[in-house]
């Protein structure tokens, strides 16, 4: 009977080790996937920041041009 219990304990320990190994493998895969995703997101964030800065610059340029046109129109109106 003691031998049977010992075999059961060894089998349970073996099953526990396989389960633990499987979970560790899953964690390693998850970390690898998240690392790749994180790098992609960082690159995307950098690209978006550059695009945002470009749009802000274009908006400021357009605002300056519109303000200059309004000033010219007001000046033309005042001289008429």
C-alpha atoms as a PDB file:
ATOM      1  CA  UNK A   1       0.000   0.000   0.000  1.00  0.00           C
ATOM      2  CA  UNK A   2       2.838   2.408   0.834  1.00  0.00           C
ATOM      3  CA  UNK A   3       4.356   1.773  -2.580  1.00  0.00           C
ATOM      4  CA  UNK A   4       1.038   2.624  -4.269  1.00  0.00           C
ATOM      5  CA  UNK A   5       0.779   5.898  -2.291  1.00  0.00           C
ATOM      6  CA  UNK A   6       4.344   6.751  -3.196  1.00  0.00           C
ATOM      7  CA  UNK A   7       3.585   6.167  -6.894  1.00  0.00           C
ATOM      8  CA  UNK A   8       0.472   8.353  -6.625  1.00  0.00           C
ATOM      9  CA  UNK A   9       2.467  11.116  -4.959  1.00  0.00           C
ATOM     10  CA  UNK A  10       5.141  10.894  -7.639  1.00  0.00           C
ATOM     11  CA  UNK A  11       2.478  10.985 -10.371  1.00  0.00           C
ATOM     12  CA  UNK A  12       0.797  13.983  -8.742  1.00  0.00           C
ATOM     13  CA  UNK A  13       4.119  15.776  -8.417  1.00  0.00           C
ATOM     14  CA  UNK A  14       4.899  14.967 -12.036  1.00  0.00           C
ATOM     15  CA  UNK A  15       1.499  16.310 -13.133  1.00  0.00           C
ATOM     16  CA  UNK A  16       2.039  19.430 -11.016  1.00  0.00           C
ATOM     17  CA  UNK A  17       5.451  19.991 -12.596  1.00  0.00           C
ATOM     18  CA  UNK A  18       3.993  19.615 -16.101  1.00  0.00           C
ATOM     19  CA  UNK A  19       1.216  22.053 -15.232  1.00  0.00           C
ATOM     20  CA  UNK A  20       3.734  24.519 -13.818  1.00  0.00           C
ATOM     21  CA  UNK A  21       5.982  24.117 -16.851  1.00  0.00           C
ATOM     22  CA  UNK A  22       3.020  24.730 -19.142  1.00  0.00           C
ATOM     23  CA  UNK A  23       2.056  27.882 -17.255  1.00  0.00           C
ATOM     24  CA  UNK A  24       5.633  29.161 -17.357  1.00  0.00           C
ATOM     25  CA  UNK A  25       5.744  28.517 -21.114  1.00  0.00           C
ATOM     26  CA  UNK A  26       2.482  30.439 -21.510  1.00  0.00           C
ATOM     27  CA  UNK A  27       3.890  33.334 -19.492  1.00  0.00           C
ATOM     28  CA  UNK A  28       7.038  33.397 -21.619  1.00  0.00           C
ATOM     29  CA  UNK A  29       4.921  33.496 -24.786  1.00  0.00           C
ATOM     30  CA  UNK A  30       2.742  36.256 -23.322  1.00  0.00           C
ATOM     31  CA  UNK A  31       5.771  38.344 -22.341  1.00  0.00           C
ATOM     32  CA  UNK A  32       7.264  37.904 -25.805  1.00  0.00           C
ATOM     33  CA  UNK A  33       4.002  38.898 -27.493  1.00  0.00           C
ATOM     34  CA  UNK A  34       3.549  41.909 -25.230  1.00  0.00           C
ATOM     35  CA  UNK A  35       7.132  43.002 -25.823  1.00  0.00           C
ATOM     36  CA  UNK A  36       6.549  42.986 -29.591  1.00  0.00           C
ATOM     37  CA  UNK A  37       3.217  44.793 -29.188  1.00  0.00           C
ATOM     38  CA  UNK A  38       4.792  47.369 -26.868  1.00  0.00           C
ATOM     39  CA  UNK A  39       7.545  48.130 -29.367  1.00  0.00           C
ATOM     40  CA  UNK A  40       4.990  48.496 -32.179  1.00  0.00           C
ATOM     41  CA  UNK A  41       2.935  50.865 -30.030  1.00  0.00           C
ATOM     42  CA  UNK A  42       6.010  52.935 -29.195  1.00  0.00           C
ATOM     43  CA  UNK A  43       6.833  53.261 -32.886  1.00  0.00           C
ATOM     44  CA  UNK A  44       3.223  54.182 -33.653  1.00  0.00           C
ATOM     45  CA  UNK A  45       3.260  56.761 -30.866  1.00  0.00           C
ATOM     46  CA  UNK A  46       6.420  58.304 -32.320  1.00  0.00           C
ATOM     47  CA  UNK A  47       4.873  58.465 -35.774  1.00  0.00           C
ATOM     48  CA  UNK A  48       1.699  60.028 -34.415  1.00  0.00           C
ATOM     49  CA  UNK A  49       3.673  62.620 -32.456  1.00  0.00           C
ATOM     50  CA  UNK A  50       5.503  63.637 -35.635  1.00  0.00           C
ATOM     51  CA  UNK A  51       2.218  63.813 -37.566  1.00  0.00           C
ATOM     52  CA  UNK A  52       0.647  65.889 -34.772  1.00  0.00           C
ATOM     53  CA  UNK A  53       3.536  68.350 -34.789  1.00  0.00           C
ATOM     54  CA  UNK A  54       3.240  68.642 -38.575  1.00  0.00           C
ATOM     55  CA  UNK A  55      -0.502  69.301 -38.332  1.00  0.00           C
ATOM     56  CA  UNK A  56       0.012  71.937 -35.637  1.00  0.00           C
ATOM     57  CA  UNK A  57       2.577  73.672 -37.839  1.00  0.00           C
ATOM     58  CA  UNK A  58       0.231  73.586 -40.842  1.00  0.00           C
ATOM     59  CA  UNK A  59      -2.646  74.908 -38.722  1.00  0.00           C
ATOM     60  CA  UNK A  60      -0.519  77.813 -37.489  1.00  0.00           C
ATOM     61  CA  UNK A  61       0.556  78.598 -41.038  1.00  0.00           C
ATOM     62  CA  UNK A  62      -3.068  78.551 -42.221  1.00  0.00           C
ATOM     63  CA  UNK A  63      -4.118  80.770 -39.290  1.00  0.00           C
ATOM     64  CA  UNK A  64      -1.389  83.277 -40.112  1.00  0.00           C
ATOM     65  CA  UNK A  65      -2.420  83.360 -43.763  1.00  0.00           C
ATOM     66  CA  UNK A  66      -6.121  83.787 -42.912  1.00  0.00           C
ATOM     67  CA  UNK A  67      -5.330  86.572 -40.463  1.00  0.00           C
ATOM     68  CA  UNK A  68      -3.210  88.300 -43.130  1.00  0.00           C
ATOM     69  CA  UNK A  69      -6.051  88.000 -45.656  1.00  0.00           C
ATOM     70  CA  UNK A  70      -8.534  89.433 -43.158  1.00  0.00           C
ATOM     71  CA  UNK A  71      -6.190  92.352 -42.462  1.00  0.00           C
ATOM     72  CA  UNK A  72      -5.828  93.041 -46.194  1.00  0.00           C
ATOM     73  CA  UNK A  73      -9.590  92.865 -46.688  1.00  0.00           C
ATOM     74  CA  UNK A  74     -10.178  95.274 -43.799  1.00  0.00           C
ATOM     75  CA  UNK A  75      -7.522  97.586 -45.210  1.00  0.00           C
ATOM     76  CA  UNK A  76      -9.110  97.473 -48.648  1.00  0.00           C
ATOM     77  CA  UNK A  77     -12.517  98.128 -47.104  1.00  0.00           C
ATOM     78  CA  UNK A  78     -11.178 101.095 -45.144  1.00  0.00           C
ATOM     79  CA  UNK A  79      -9.686 102.646 -48.300  1.00  0.00           C
ATOM     80  CA  UNK A  80     -12.900 102.282 -50.260  1.00  0.00           C
END
